[in-house]
Amino acid sequence: MLWADGGSPASSTDPDDARADAVGACQAFRRVPELSTVFSDFKNTSQSRYERVEAAAALAQSAAALDDRYEDLDKALQNVRQHVVTYNVKGAEAKSAHEKVRSLCAPYGD
């Protein structure tokens, strides 16, 4: 067993646990829909989705700062973040950026 307490890896209380940050980033990102639908007609929905992208990107950046094994995840999430903050959320490039993060997060389960 990787986690003797049975808790989520993202629930670690170790301030230097890079894996917990990476898992947390992926957990947050799993709740981000396709980038083309991040912004909706409902302000609260759009804000919530935007904040999840920001949170995931920040956690990935923290993970990479602590452990370079998470640099690819960080770069991929920074790319997605850039798409969102510039409203470049439609088209093949945005879809590819979203899928890259999904792929990198796959090893971290649900």
C-alpha atoms as a PDB file:
ATOM      1  CA  MET A   1       0.000   0.000   0.000  1.00  0.00           C
ATOM      2  CA  LEU A   2       1.287   3.396  -0.924  1.00  0.00           C
ATOM      3  CA  TRP A   3      -0.735   5.190   1.710  1.00  0.00           C
ATOM      4  CA  ALA A   4      -1.023   3.392   5.028  1.00  0.00           C
ATOM      5  CA  ASP A   5      -3.740   5.719   6.307  1.00  0.00           C
ATOM      6  CA  GLY A   6      -5.937   4.986   3.279  1.00  0.00           C
ATOM      7  CA  GLY A   7      -6.305   8.706   2.583  1.00  0.00           C
ATOM      8  CA  SER A   8      -5.820  10.472  -0.669  1.00  0.00           C
ATOM      9  CA  PRO A   9      -2.246  11.308  -1.709  1.00  0.00           C
ATOM     10  CA  ALA A  10      -3.414  14.889  -2.110  1.00  0.00           C
ATOM     11  CA  SER A  11      -4.330  15.042   1.577  1.00  0.00           C
ATOM     12  CA  SER A  12      -0.717  14.895   2.724  1.00  0.00           C
ATOM     13  CA  THR A  13       0.188  17.460   5.354  1.00  0.00           C
ATOM     14  CA  ASP A  14       3.886  17.455   4.447  1.00  0.00           C
ATOM     15  CA  PRO A  15       4.599  20.964   3.110  1.00  0.00           C
ATOM     16  CA  ASP A  16       7.266  19.577   0.787  1.00  0.00           C
ATOM     17  CA  ASP A  17       5.244  16.713  -0.721  1.00  0.00           C
ATOM     18  CA  ALA A  18       5.535  17.363  -4.454  1.00  0.00           C
ATOM     19  CA  ARG A  19       3.462  14.300  -5.342  1.00  0.00           C
ATOM     20  CA  ALA A  20       0.570  15.550  -3.208  1.00  0.00           C
ATOM     21  CA  ASP A  21       0.666  18.836  -5.131  1.00  0.00           C
ATOM     22  CA  ALA A  22       0.711  17.001  -8.465  1.00  0.00           C
ATOM     23  CA  VAL A  23      -2.191  14.778  -7.431  1.00  0.00           C
ATOM     24  CA  GLY A  24      -4.105  17.816  -6.192  1.00  0.00           C
ATOM     25  CA  ALA A  25      -3.485  19.585  -9.488  1.00  0.00           C
ATOM     26  CA  CYS A  26      -4.858  16.617 -11.377  1.00  0.00           C
ATOM     27  CA  GLN A  27      -7.857  16.283  -9.079  1.00  0.00           C
ATOM     28  CA  ALA A  28      -8.742  19.932  -9.645  1.00  0.00           C
ATOM     29  CA  PHE A  29      -8.197  19.646 -13.393  1.00  0.00           C
ATOM     30  CA  ARG A  30     -10.456  16.596 -13.695  1.00  0.00           C
ATOM     31  CA  ARG A  31     -13.323  18.946 -12.903  1.00  0.00           C
ATOM     32  CA  VAL A  32     -12.408  21.303 -15.748  1.00  0.00           C
ATOM     33  CA  PRO A  33     -14.528  20.629 -18.831  1.00  0.00           C
ATOM     34  CA  GLU A  34     -13.249  20.928 -22.381  1.00  0.00           C
ATOM     35  CA  LEU A  35     -11.630  24.335 -22.696  1.00  0.00           C
ATOM     36  CA  SER A  36     -14.163  25.437 -25.295  1.00  0.00           C
ATOM     37  CA  THR A  37     -16.843  25.231 -22.582  1.00  0.00           C
ATOM     38  CA  VAL A  38     -14.939  26.802 -19.685  1.00  0.00           C
ATOM     39  CA  PHE A  39     -16.712  30.104 -20.209  1.00  0.00           C
ATOM     40  CA  SER A  40     -20.479  29.919 -20.086  1.00  0.00           C
ATOM     41  CA  ASP A  41     -23.390  32.314 -19.933  1.00  0.00           C
ATOM     42  CA  PHE A  42     -23.404  31.877 -16.170  1.00  0.00           C
ATOM     43  CA  LYS A  43     -20.850  34.066 -14.415  1.00  0.00           C
ATOM     44  CA  ASN A  44     -20.477  31.815 -11.354  1.00  0.00           C
ATOM     45  CA  THR A  45     -19.938  28.716 -13.484  1.00  0.00           C
ATOM     46  CA  SER A  46     -17.314  30.445 -15.600  1.00  0.00           C
ATOM     47  CA  GLN A  47     -15.570  31.823 -12.511  1.00  0.00           C
ATOM     48  CA  SER A  48     -15.500  28.429 -10.823  1.00  0.00           C
ATOM     49  CA  ARG A  49     -14.046  26.710 -13.892  1.00  0.00           C
ATOM     50  CA  TYR A  50     -11.480  29.471 -14.360  1.00  0.00           C
ATOM     51  CA  GLU A  51     -10.423  29.207 -10.711  1.00  0.00           C
ATOM     52  CA  ARG A  52      -9.965  25.431 -11.035  1.00  0.00           C
ATOM     53  CA  VAL A  53      -7.581  25.966 -13.945  1.00  0.00           C
ATOM     54  CA  GLU A  54      -5.677  28.551 -11.908  1.00  0.00           C
ATOM     55  CA  ALA A  55      -5.532  26.263  -8.862  1.00  0.00           C
ATOM     56  CA  ALA A  56      -4.380  23.266 -10.876  1.00  0.00           C
ATOM     57  CA  ALA A  57      -1.677  25.345 -12.557  1.00  0.00           C
ATOM     58  CA  ALA A  58      -0.470  26.706  -9.210  1.00  0.00           C
ATOM     59  CA  LEU A  59      -0.289  23.240  -7.645  1.00  0.00           C
ATOM     60  CA  ALA A  60       1.568  21.854 -10.659  1.00  0.00           C
ATOM     61  CA  GLN A  61       4.023  24.731 -10.439  1.00  0.00           C
ATOM     62  CA  SER A  62       4.573  23.971  -6.758  1.00  0.00           C
ATOM     63  CA  ALA A  63       5.116  20.266  -7.505  1.00  0.00           C
ATOM     64  CA  ALA A  64       7.683  21.062 -10.203  1.00  0.00           C
ATOM     65  CA  ALA A  65       9.514  23.483  -7.928  1.00  0.00           C
ATOM     66  CA  LEU A  66       9.925  20.692  -5.380  1.00  0.00           C
ATOM     67  CA  ASP A  67      10.619  17.837  -7.797  1.00  0.00           C
ATOM     68  CA  ASP A  68      11.625  18.140 -11.448  1.00  0.00           C
ATOM     69  CA  ARG A  69       9.741  14.933 -12.297  1.00  0.00           C
ATOM     70  CA  TYR A  70       6.636  17.130 -12.404  1.00  0.00           C
ATOM     71  CA  GLU A  71       7.998  19.659 -14.908  1.00  0.00           C
ATOM     72  CA  ASP A  72       6.016  18.198 -17.815  1.00  0.00           C
ATOM     73  CA  LEU A  73       2.784  18.446 -15.824  1.00  0.00           C
ATOM     74  CA  ASP A  74       3.641  22.010 -14.840  1.00  0.00           C
ATOM     75  CA  LYS A  75       4.407  23.040 -18.429  1.00  0.00           C
ATOM     76  CA  ALA A  76       1.226  21.426 -19.710  1.00  0.00           C
ATOM     77  CA  LEU A  77      -0.929  23.126 -17.096  1.00  0.00           C
ATOM     78  CA  GLN A  78       0.757  26.492 -17.644  1.00  0.00           C
ATOM     79  CA  ASN A  79      -0.071  26.076 -21.345  1.00  0.00           C
ATOM     80  CA  VAL A  80      -3.735  25.374 -20.523  1.00  0.00           C
ATOM     81  CA  ARG A  81      -3.765  28.315 -18.134  1.00  0.00           C
ATOM     82  CA  GLN A  82      -2.413  30.567 -20.890  1.00  0.00           C
ATOM     83  CA  HIS A  83      -5.172  29.408 -23.223  1.00  0.00           C
ATOM     84  CA  VAL A  84      -7.786  30.248 -20.608  1.00  0.00           C
ATOM     85  CA  VAL A  85      -6.470  33.649 -19.538  1.00  0.00           C
ATOM     86  CA  THR A  86      -6.217  34.734 -23.174  1.00  0.00           C
ATOM     87  CA  TYR A  87      -9.650  33.287 -24.021  1.00  0.00           C
ATOM     88  CA  ASN A  88      -7.998  31.085 -26.642  1.00  0.00           C
ATOM     89  CA  VAL A  89     -10.161  28.113 -25.689  1.00  0.00           C
ATOM     90  CA  LYS A  90     -11.451  26.904 -29.046  1.00  0.00           C
ATOM     91  CA  GLY A  91      -9.800  24.921 -31.775  1.00  0.00           C
ATOM     92  CA  ALA A  92      -7.352  22.076 -32.140  1.00  0.00           C
ATOM     93  CA  GLU A  93      -4.529  23.706 -30.176  1.00  0.00           C
ATOM     94  CA  ALA A  94      -6.682  24.263 -27.089  1.00  0.00           C
ATOM     95  CA  LYS A  95      -8.140  20.773 -27.341  1.00  0.00           C
ATOM     96  CA  SER A  96      -4.652  19.289 -27.629  1.00  0.00           C
ATOM     97  CA  ALA A  97      -3.477  21.256 -24.569  1.00  0.00           C
ATOM     98  CA  HIS A  98      -6.426  19.941 -22.544  1.00  0.00           C
ATOM     99  CA  GLU A  99      -5.814  16.355 -23.637  1.00  0.00           C
ATOM    100  CA  LYS A 100      -2.091  16.593 -22.814  1.00  0.00           C
ATOM    101  CA  VAL A 101      -2.916  17.426 -19.199  1.00  0.00           C
ATOM    102  CA  ARG A 102      -5.489  14.640 -19.054  1.00  0.00           C
ATOM    103  CA  SER A 103      -2.859  12.211 -20.315  1.00  0.00           C
ATOM    104  CA  LEU A 104      -0.242  13.379 -17.816  1.00  0.00           C
ATOM    105  CA  CYS A 105      -2.770  13.102 -15.012  1.00  0.00           C
ATOM    106  CA  ALA A 106      -3.892   9.587 -15.922  1.00  0.00           C
ATOM    107  CA  PRO A 107      -1.346   7.857 -13.636  1.00  0.00           C
ATOM    108  CA  TYR A 108      -2.794   9.698 -10.642  1.00  0.00           C
ATOM    109  CA  GLY A 109      -6.181   7.964 -10.900  1.00  0.00           C
ATOM    110  CA  ASP A 110      -9.502   9.380  -9.865  1.00  0.00           C
END
